[in-house]
Amino acid sequence: MNFLFRCSSVGLSVKLLTHHLASRGTCLTVRQLSSILMCGAALALVSCANLRPKSAATAASYDTDCKNHAYVRLVLRDYISTRFHSQAPVRMAILPFSAPANVSAYNTERPGLGNELAWSLRSELVRTEASTIVEVLNRYDWPGKKDEFFLGNHDAINVAREAGYDLVLIGFLESMKSLDEAILHTKIIDVASGITVWNGRSRVERSESFWYRTNEWLDVDRRVPSANTMQPLFDSLVRCSVRGITSEEPIG
């Protein structure tokens, strides 16, 4: 009810204003009338938008750009269907990623953010049905884990093999130079053969949306508190990464 009242009250105010001016014999040019209507529409847009939940307001505050670059890419769905029996329960393990210190709550790399990214990635992969079984393997860290990403990933493969998985997904989050940009490197490796099915770099960058700039211009609700958190950026990064991993179209 409050929502309808706020959204309709602006339109009613504009209507009353134009009626009042007309009743007093005030002549409005086409430009003046257009300006009134445009201002009314902008105010209505902001009034309605400000009633949205914080999560929706946060998402609307930014436009996010997703870019994937594949160094090695086999179409995941095709690889699984040709490599494994059609009735085989193909198991993919996701090892928690390493998170740089500049986005951690502590002075060193913490497993918490890497674990959150792994679970978010799992949810997205399950939603796309990329593999029959996708699980997070809670082996957080070992010496040289991040450096191993570029040196063969032998420990990661051994960990997944010992746990009985067919594929292992590994990766790490690059050190962040901006609160509006994040880069995630990921690999998917066939545990038995050591073949790299996917090796790619996913980058997301966000900028203020038209909705946010309109709010700022009108000086209405200039700050969305939850928009300053990193979670929406990481959520976009996970979706971007999974889009690259599961895409059947060529990737640059």
C-alpha atoms as a PDB file:
ATOM      1  CA  MET A   1       0.000   0.000   0.000  1.00  0.00           C
ATOM      2  CA  ASN A   2       2.839   2.353   0.931  1.00  0.00           C
ATOM      3  CA  PHE A   3       4.540   1.445  -2.354  1.00  0.00           C
ATOM      4  CA  LEU A   4       1.473   2.389  -4.420  1.00  0.00           C
ATOM      5  CA  PHE A   5       1.019   5.612  -2.483  1.00  0.00           C
ATOM      6  CA  ARG A   6       4.622   6.761  -2.976  1.00  0.00           C
ATOM      7  CA  CYS A   7       4.693   5.854  -6.663  1.00  0.00           C
ATOM      8  CA  SER A   8       1.344   7.427  -7.503  1.00  0.00           C
ATOM      9  CA  SER A   9       1.737  10.555  -5.350  1.00  0.00           C
ATOM     10  CA  VAL A  10       4.437  11.999  -7.621  1.00  0.00           C
ATOM     11  CA  GLY A  11       2.265  11.606 -10.705  1.00  0.00           C
ATOM     12  CA  LEU A  12      -0.686  13.167  -8.857  1.00  0.00           C
ATOM     13  CA  SER A  13       1.475  16.119  -7.782  1.00  0.00           C
ATOM     14  CA  VAL A  14       2.524  16.784 -11.378  1.00  0.00           C
ATOM     15  CA  LYS A  15      -1.102  16.607 -12.523  1.00  0.00           C
ATOM     16  CA  LEU A  16      -2.240  19.041  -9.802  1.00  0.00           C
ATOM     17  CA  LEU A  17       0.603  21.437 -10.663  1.00  0.00           C
ATOM     18  CA  THR A  18      -0.290  21.594 -14.350  1.00  0.00           C
ATOM     19  CA  HIS A  19      -4.015  21.938 -13.523  1.00  0.00           C
ATOM     20  CA  HIS A  20      -3.247  24.789 -11.085  1.00  0.00           C
ATOM     21  CA  LEU A  21      -1.181  26.655 -13.667  1.00  0.00           C
ATOM     22  CA  ALA A  22      -3.861  26.198 -16.321  1.00  0.00           C
ATOM     23  CA  SER A  23      -6.646  27.423 -13.994  1.00  0.00           C
ATOM     24  CA  ARG A  24      -4.690  30.632 -13.375  1.00  0.00           C
ATOM     25  CA  GLY A  25      -4.386  31.245 -17.059  1.00  0.00           C
ATOM     26  CA  THR A  26      -0.692  30.495 -17.151  1.00  0.00           C
ATOM     27  CA  CYS A  27       0.387  29.478 -20.608  1.00  0.00           C
ATOM     28  CA  LEU A  28       2.931  26.696 -20.761  1.00  0.00           C
ATOM     29  CA  THR A  29       5.155  26.221 -23.741  1.00  0.00           C
ATOM     30  CA  VAL A  30       5.775  22.736 -25.089  1.00  0.00           C
ATOM     31  CA  ARG A  31       9.323  22.850 -23.665  1.00  0.00           C
ATOM     32  CA  GLN A  32       8.103  23.857 -20.185  1.00  0.00           C
ATOM     33  CA  LEU A  33       5.428  21.161 -20.151  1.00  0.00           C
ATOM     34  CA  SER A  34       7.962  18.557 -21.311  1.00  0.00           C
ATOM     35  CA  SER A  35      10.356  19.595 -18.541  1.00  0.00           C
ATOM     36  CA  ILE A  36       7.651  19.200 -15.893  1.00  0.00           C
ATOM     37  CA  LEU A  37       6.671  15.781 -17.177  1.00  0.00           C
ATOM     38  CA  MET A  38      10.306  14.620 -17.389  1.00  0.00           C
ATOM     39  CA  CYS A  39      11.048  15.759 -13.835  1.00  0.00           C
ATOM     40  CA  GLY A  40       7.905  14.029 -12.626  1.00  0.00           C
ATOM     41  CA  ALA A  41       8.870  10.807 -14.347  1.00  0.00           C
ATOM     42  CA  ALA A  42      12.376  10.944 -12.860  1.00  0.00           C
ATOM     43  CA  LEU A  43      11.029  11.553  -9.365  1.00  0.00           C
ATOM     44  CA  ALA A  44       8.555   8.698  -9.734  1.00  0.00           C
ATOM     45  CA  LEU A  45      11.319   6.381 -10.882  1.00  0.00           C
ATOM     46  CA  VAL A  46      13.506   7.220  -7.882  1.00  0.00           C
ATOM     47  CA  SER A  47      10.606   7.093  -5.408  1.00  0.00           C
ATOM     48  CA  CYS A  48       9.615   3.615  -6.554  1.00  0.00           C
ATOM     49  CA  ALA A  49      13.172   2.337  -6.813  1.00  0.00           C
ATOM     50  CA  ASN A  50      14.051   3.449  -3.279  1.00  0.00           C
ATOM     51  CA  LEU A  51      11.394   1.112  -1.890  1.00  0.00           C
ATOM     52  CA  ARG A  52      13.141  -1.974  -3.209  1.00  0.00           C
ATOM     53  CA  PRO A  53      14.966  -4.368  -0.872  1.00  0.00           C
ATOM     54  CA  LYS A  54      18.613  -3.536  -0.186  1.00  0.00           C
ATOM     55  CA  SER A  55      19.821  -6.454  -2.286  1.00  0.00           C
ATOM     56  CA  ALA A  56      17.812  -5.265  -5.283  1.00  0.00           C
ATOM     57  CA  ALA A  57      18.981  -1.690  -4.752  1.00  0.00           C
ATOM     58  CA  THR A  58      22.580  -2.871  -4.634  1.00  0.00           C
ATOM     59  CA  ALA A  59      22.257  -4.799  -7.880  1.00  0.00           C
ATOM     60  CA  ALA A  60      20.595  -1.844  -9.580  1.00  0.00           C
ATOM     61  CA  SER A  61      23.335   0.529  -8.428  1.00  0.00           C
ATOM     62  CA  TYR A  62      25.930  -1.000 -10.738  1.00  0.00           C
ATOM     63  CA  ASP A  63      26.331  -2.152 -14.316  1.00  0.00           C
ATOM     64  CA  THR A  64      28.699  -5.132 -14.460  1.00  0.00           C
ATOM     65  CA  ASP A  65      30.891  -6.056 -17.404  1.00  0.00           C
ATOM     66  CA  CYS A  66      32.004  -9.707 -17.721  1.00  0.00           C
ATOM     67  CA  LYS A  67      34.967 -10.785 -19.847  1.00  0.00           C
ATOM     68  CA  ASN A  68      36.363 -14.314 -20.175  1.00  0.00           C
ATOM     69  CA  HIS A  69      39.627 -15.293 -21.807  1.00  0.00           C
ATOM     70  CA  ALA A  70      40.326 -18.988 -22.443  1.00  0.00           C
ATOM     71  CA  TYR A  71      43.910 -20.248 -22.642  1.00  0.00           C
ATOM     72  CA  VAL A  72      42.753 -23.862 -22.967  1.00  0.00           C
ATOM     73  CA  ARG A  73      39.164 -24.725 -23.708  1.00  0.00           C
ATOM     74  CA  LEU A  74      37.389 -27.977 -24.440  1.00  0.00           C
ATOM     75  CA  VAL A  75      33.598 -27.780 -24.369  1.00  0.00           C
ATOM     76  CA  LEU A  76      32.929 -29.233 -20.919  1.00  0.00           C
ATOM     77  CA  ARG A  77      29.649 -30.947 -21.746  1.00  0.00           C
ATOM     78  CA  ASP A  78      31.111 -32.560 -24.886  1.00  0.00           C
ATOM     79  CA  TYR A  79      34.263 -33.661 -23.071  1.00  0.00           C
ATOM     80  CA  ILE A  80      32.291 -35.356 -20.301  1.00  0.00           C
ATOM     81  CA  SER A  81      29.956 -37.115 -22.747  1.00  0.00           C
ATOM     82  CA  THR A  82      32.857 -38.541 -24.810  1.00  0.00           C
ATOM     83  CA  ARG A  83      35.306 -39.232 -21.978  1.00  0.00           C
ATOM     84  CA  PHE A  84      32.930 -41.006 -19.582  1.00  0.00           C
ATOM     85  CA  HIS A  85      30.168 -43.576 -19.953  1.00  0.00           C
ATOM     86  CA  SER A  86      26.729 -42.007 -20.375  1.00  0.00           C
ATOM     87  CA  GLN A  87      25.473 -43.621 -17.161  1.00  0.00           C
ATOM     88  CA  ALA A  88      28.604 -42.868 -15.126  1.00  0.00           C
ATOM     89  CA  PRO A  89      28.169 -40.473 -12.169  1.00  0.00           C
ATOM     90  CA  VAL A  90      30.939 -38.047 -13.116  1.00  0.00           C
ATOM     91  CA  ARG A  91      32.254 -36.359  -9.967  1.00  0.00           C
ATOM     92  CA  MET A  92      33.853 -32.916 -10.004  1.00  0.00           C
ATOM     93  CA  ALA A  93      35.700 -31.560  -6.968  1.00  0.00           C
ATOM     94  CA  ILE A  94      36.156 -27.836  -6.377  1.00  0.00           C
ATOM     95  CA  LEU A  95      39.083 -26.890  -4.168  1.00  0.00           C
ATOM     96  CA  PRO A  96      38.635 -23.632  -2.212  1.00  0.00           C
ATOM     97  CA  PHE A  97      40.465 -20.751  -3.860  1.00  0.00           C
ATOM     98  CA  SER A  98      43.162 -18.574  -2.343  1.00  0.00           C
ATOM     99  CA  ALA A  99      42.107 -15.005  -1.517  1.00  0.00           C
ATOM    100  CA  PRO A 100      44.631 -12.143  -1.421  1.00  0.00           C
ATOM    101  CA  ALA A 101      45.264 -10.309   1.820  1.00  0.00           C
ATOM    102  CA  ASN A 102      43.814  -7.005   0.584  1.00  0.00           C
ATOM    103  CA  VAL A 103      40.289  -8.476   0.591  1.00  0.00           C
ATOM    104  CA  SER A 104      40.740 -10.583   3.722  1.00  0.00           C
ATOM    105  CA  ALA A 105      39.909  -9.772   7.290  1.00  0.00           C
ATOM    106  CA  TYR A 106      43.353 -10.870   8.394  1.00  0.00           C
ATOM    107  CA  ASN A 107      46.946 -10.144   7.487  1.00  0.00           C
ATOM    108  CA  THR A 108      47.393 -13.372   5.574  1.00  0.00           C
ATOM    109  CA  GLU A 109      45.394 -15.280   3.029  1.00  0.00           C
ATOM    110  CA  ARG A 110      42.312 -16.729   4.689  1.00  0.00           C
ATOM    111  CA  PRO A 111      40.374 -19.811   3.663  1.00  0.00           C
ATOM    112  CA  GLY A 112      36.972 -18.215   4.320  1.00  0.00           C
ATOM    113  CA  LEU A 113      36.602 -16.165   1.126  1.00  0.00           C
ATOM    114  CA  GLY A 114      38.106 -18.926  -1.006  1.00  0.00           C
ATOM    115  CA  ASN A 115      35.605 -21.359   0.471  1.00  0.00           C
ATOM    116  CA  GLU A 116      32.709 -18.977  -0.199  1.00  0.00           C
ATOM    117  CA  LEU A 117      33.787 -18.591  -3.821  1.00  0.00           C
ATOM    118  CA  ALA A 118      34.037 -22.367  -4.190  1.00  0.00           C
ATOM    119  CA  TRP A 119      30.532 -22.923  -2.826  1.00  0.00           C
ATOM    120  CA  SER A 120      29.084 -20.150  -5.001  1.00  0.00           C
ATOM    121  CA  LEU A 121      30.775 -21.647  -8.057  1.00  0.00           C
ATOM    122  CA  ARG A 122      29.388 -25.056  -7.137  1.00  0.00           C
ATOM    123  CA  SER A 123      25.836 -23.658  -6.942  1.00  0.00           C
ATOM    124  CA  GLU A 124      26.158 -22.092 -10.379  1.00  0.00           C
ATOM    125  CA  LEU A 125      27.629 -25.261 -11.928  1.00  0.00           C
ATOM    126  CA  VAL A 126      24.867 -27.391 -10.401  1.00  0.00           C
ATOM    127  CA  ARG A 127      22.289 -24.999 -11.806  1.00  0.00           C
ATOM    128  CA  THR A 128      23.764 -25.375 -15.302  1.00  0.00           C
ATOM    129  CA  GLU A 129      24.006 -29.184 -14.907  1.00  0.00           C
ATOM    130  CA  ALA A 130      27.613 -29.088 -16.123  1.00  0.00           C
ATOM    131  CA  SER A 131      28.430 -32.332 -14.303  1.00  0.00           C
ATOM    132  CA  THR A 132      26.330 -34.965 -12.587  1.00  0.00           C
ATOM    133  CA  ILE A 133      28.035 -34.450  -9.209  1.00  0.00           C
ATOM    134  CA  VAL A 134      29.792 -31.235  -8.156  1.00  0.00           C
ATOM    135  CA  GLU A 135      31.169 -31.005  -4.622  1.00  0.00           C
ATOM    136  CA  VAL A 136      33.487 -28.749  -2.635  1.00  0.00           C
ATOM    137  CA  LEU A 137      36.490 -30.684  -1.354  1.00  0.00           C
ATOM    138  CA  ASN A 138      37.436 -29.040   1.934  1.00  0.00           C
ATOM    139  CA  ARG A 139      41.182 -29.143   1.549  1.00  0.00           C
ATOM    140  CA  TYR A 140      41.957 -25.482   2.118  1.00  0.00           C
ATOM    141  CA  ASP A 141      45.653 -24.995   1.665  1.00  0.00           C
ATOM    142  CA  TRP A 142      49.111 -26.487   1.325  1.00  0.00           C
ATOM    143  CA  PRO A 143      52.560 -24.996   0.698  1.00  0.00           C
ATOM    144  CA  GLY A 144      52.791 -23.425  -2.750  1.00  0.00           C
ATOM    145  CA  LYS A 145      49.126 -24.010  -3.575  1.00  0.00           C
ATOM    146  CA  LYS A 146      48.680 -20.780  -5.554  1.00  0.00           C
ATOM    147  CA  ASP A 147      52.079 -20.997  -7.278  1.00  0.00           C
ATOM    148  CA  GLU A 148      51.267 -24.569  -8.319  1.00  0.00           C
ATOM    149  CA  PHE A 149      48.450 -23.239 -10.512  1.00  0.00           C
ATOM    150  CA  PHE A 150      51.043 -22.488 -13.200  1.00  0.00           C
ATOM    151  CA  LEU A 151      53.308 -25.470 -12.447  1.00  0.00           C
ATOM    152  CA  GLY A 152      51.294 -28.599 -13.142  1.00  0.00           C
ATOM    153  CA  ASN A 153      48.844 -28.796 -10.195  1.00  0.00           C
ATOM    154  CA  HIS A 154      50.190 -32.185  -9.097  1.00  0.00           C
ATOM    155  CA  ASP A 155      49.103 -31.826  -5.459  1.00  0.00           C
ATOM    156  CA  ALA A 156      45.586 -30.732  -6.415  1.00  0.00           C
ATOM    157  CA  ILE A 157      45.239 -33.699  -8.784  1.00  0.00           C
ATOM    158  CA  ASN A 158      46.499 -36.110  -6.127  1.00  0.00           C
ATOM    159  CA  VAL A 159      44.099 -34.734  -3.515  1.00  0.00           C
ATOM    160  CA  ALA A 160      41.138 -35.142  -5.893  1.00  0.00           C
ATOM    161  CA  ARG A 161      42.274 -38.585  -7.036  1.00  0.00           C
ATOM    162  CA  GLU A 162      42.594 -39.862  -3.468  1.00  0.00           C
ATOM    163  CA  ALA A 163      39.059 -38.626  -2.753  1.00  0.00           C
ATOM    164  CA  GLY A 164      37.694 -40.493  -5.799  1.00  0.00           C
ATOM    165  CA  TYR A 165      36.878 -37.579  -8.103  1.00  0.00           C
ATOM    166  CA  ASP A 166      37.011 -37.583 -11.910  1.00  0.00           C
ATOM    167  CA  LEU A 167      37.556 -33.854 -12.447  1.00  0.00           C
ATOM    168  CA  VAL A 168      39.036 -31.149 -10.244  1.00  0.00           C
ATOM    169  CA  LEU A 169      38.413 -27.409 -10.480  1.00  0.00           C
ATOM    170  CA  ILE A 170      41.116 -25.164  -9.041  1.00  0.00           C
ATOM    171  CA  GLY A 171      41.888 -21.470  -9.133  1.00  0.00           C
ATOM    172  CA  PHE A 172      42.772 -18.284  -7.326  1.00  0.00           C
ATOM    173  CA  LEU A 173      41.630 -14.708  -6.995  1.00  0.00           C
ATOM    174  CA  GLU A 174      44.112 -12.083  -8.178  1.00  0.00           C
ATOM    175  CA  SER A 175      45.174  -9.292  -5.849  1.00  0.00           C
ATOM    176  CA  MET A 176      42.622  -6.524  -6.246  1.00  0.00           C
ATOM    177  CA  LYS A 177      43.695  -3.068  -7.378  1.00  0.00           C
ATOM    178  CA  SER A 178      40.179  -1.657  -7.265  1.00  0.00           C
ATOM    179  CA  LEU A 179      36.969  -2.285  -5.315  1.00  0.00           C
ATOM    180  CA  ASP A 180      35.134  -2.342  -8.637  1.00  0.00           C
ATOM    181  CA  GLU A 181      37.214  -4.984 -10.439  1.00  0.00           C
ATOM    182  CA  ALA A 182      37.968  -8.646  -9.709  1.00  0.00           C
ATOM    183  CA  ILE A 183      39.844 -11.306 -11.669  1.00  0.00           C
ATOM    184  CA  LEU A 184      39.541 -15.042 -11.122  1.00  0.00           C
ATOM    185  CA  HIS A 185      41.752 -17.711 -12.714  1.00  0.00           C
ATOM    186  CA  THR A 186      40.285 -21.219 -12.970  1.00  0.00           C
ATOM    187  CA  LYS A 187      41.247 -24.623 -14.323  1.00  0.00           C
ATOM    188  CA  ILE A 188      39.409 -27.893 -14.758  1.00  0.00           C
ATOM    189  CA  ILE A 189      41.645 -30.966 -14.985  1.00  0.00           C
ATOM    190  CA  ASP A 190      40.855 -34.598 -15.746  1.00  0.00           C
ATOM    191  CA  VAL A 191      42.214 -36.365 -12.665  1.00  0.00           C
ATOM    192  CA  ALA A 192      43.044 -39.673 -14.384  1.00  0.00           C
ATOM    193  CA  SER A 193      44.712 -38.347 -17.536  1.00  0.00           C
ATOM    194  CA  GLY A 194      45.932 -34.938 -16.375  1.00  0.00           C
ATOM    195  CA  ILE A 195      44.295 -33.294 -19.403  1.00  0.00           C
ATOM    196  CA  THR A 196      43.345 -29.654 -18.886  1.00  0.00           C
ATOM    197  CA  VAL A 197      39.737 -29.260 -19.975  1.00  0.00           C
ATOM    198  CA  TRP A 198      39.531 -25.566 -19.151  1.00  0.00           C
ATOM    199  CA  ASN A 199      42.080 -22.904 -18.265  1.00  0.00           C
ATOM    200  CA  GLY A 200      40.704 -19.406 -18.247  1.00  0.00           C
ATOM    201  CA  ARG A 201      40.684 -15.933 -16.786  1.00  0.00           C
ATOM    202  CA  SER A 202      37.427 -14.237 -15.792  1.00  0.00           C
ATOM    203  CA  ARG A 203      37.257 -10.500 -15.149  1.00  0.00           C
ATOM    204  CA  VAL A 204      34.341  -8.418 -13.949  1.00  0.00           C
ATOM    205  CA  GLU A 205      34.241  -4.646 -13.658  1.00  0.00           C
ATOM    206  CA  ARG A 206      31.362  -2.619 -12.335  1.00  0.00           C
ATOM    207  CA  SER A 207      30.376   0.995 -12.874  1.00  0.00           C
ATOM    208  CA  GLU A 208      27.587   3.156 -11.515  1.00  0.00           C
ATOM    209  CA  SER A 209      24.292   2.471 -13.256  1.00  0.00           C
ATOM    210  CA  PHE A 210      21.903   5.026 -14.735  1.00  0.00           C
ATOM    211  CA  TRP A 211      19.591   4.454 -11.746  1.00  0.00           C
ATOM    212  CA  TYR A 212      22.380   5.297  -9.285  1.00  0.00           C
ATOM    213  CA  ARG A 213      23.494   8.378 -11.238  1.00  0.00           C
ATOM    214  CA  THR A 214      19.874   9.610 -11.401  1.00  0.00           C
ATOM    215  CA  ASN A 215      19.608   9.286  -7.625  1.00  0.00           C
ATOM    216  CA  GLU A 216      22.844  11.211  -7.226  1.00  0.00           C
ATOM    217  CA  TRP A 217      21.747  13.964  -9.623  1.00  0.00           C
ATOM    218  CA  LEU A 218      18.465  14.420  -7.739  1.00  0.00           C
ATOM    219  CA  ASP A 219      20.303  14.199  -4.392  1.00  0.00           C
ATOM    220  CA  VAL A 220      17.943  11.436  -3.258  1.00  0.00           C
ATOM    221  CA  ASP A 221      19.362   8.469  -1.337  1.00  0.00           C
ATOM    222  CA  ARG A 222      22.857   9.191  -2.649  1.00  0.00           C
ATOM    223  CA  ARG A 223      24.406   6.292  -0.778  1.00  0.00           C
ATOM    224  CA  VAL A 224      23.198   2.708  -0.848  1.00  0.00           C
ATOM    225  CA  PRO A 225      25.021   1.176   2.158  1.00  0.00           C
ATOM    226  CA  SER A 226      25.031  -2.392   0.898  1.00  0.00           C
ATOM    227  CA  ALA A 227      26.350  -1.241  -2.498  1.00  0.00           C
ATOM    228  CA  ASN A 228      29.725  -0.700  -0.880  1.00  0.00           C
ATOM    229  CA  THR A 229      30.133  -4.369   0.037  1.00  0.00           C
ATOM    230  CA  MET A 230      32.216  -6.742  -2.056  1.00  0.00           C
ATOM    231  CA  GLN A 231      29.699  -9.598  -2.150  1.00  0.00           C
ATOM    232  CA  PRO A 232      27.752  -8.378  -5.224  1.00  0.00           C
ATOM    233  CA  LEU A 233      31.034  -8.072  -7.125  1.00  0.00           C
ATOM    234  CA  PHE A 234      32.089 -11.621  -6.165  1.00  0.00           C
ATOM    235  CA  ASP A 235      28.646 -12.974  -7.087  1.00  0.00           C
ATOM    236  CA  SER A 236      29.020 -11.410 -10.538  1.00  0.00           C
ATOM    237  CA  LEU A 237      32.537 -12.839 -10.812  1.00  0.00           C
ATOM    238  CA  VAL A 238      31.308 -16.369 -10.091  1.00  0.00           C
ATOM    239  CA  ARG A 239      28.520 -16.088 -12.672  1.00  0.00           C
ATOM    240  CA  CYS A 240      30.994 -14.720 -15.206  1.00  0.00           C
ATOM    241  CA  SER A 241      33.434 -17.573 -14.568  1.00  0.00           C
ATOM    242  CA  VAL A 242      30.775 -20.262 -14.912  1.00  0.00           C
ATOM    243  CA  ARG A 243      29.558 -18.621 -18.114  1.00  0.00           C
ATOM    244  CA  GLY A 244      33.042 -19.035 -19.552  1.00  0.00           C
ATOM    245  CA  ILE A 245      33.487 -22.595 -18.272  1.00  0.00           C
ATOM    246  CA  THR A 246      30.154 -23.854 -19.612  1.00  0.00           C
ATOM    247  CA  SER A 247      29.951 -21.813 -22.813  1.00  0.00           C
ATOM    248  CA  GLU A 248      29.713 -23.747 -26.057  1.00  0.00           C
ATOM    249  CA  GLU A 249      30.555 -20.648 -28.091  1.00  0.00           C
ATOM    250  CA  PRO A 250      34.122 -19.507 -28.935  1.00  0.00           C
ATOM    251  CA  ILE A 251      35.756 -17.365 -26.247  1.00  0.00           C
ATOM    252  CA  GLY A 252      38.556 -14.877 -26.892  1.00  0.00           C
END
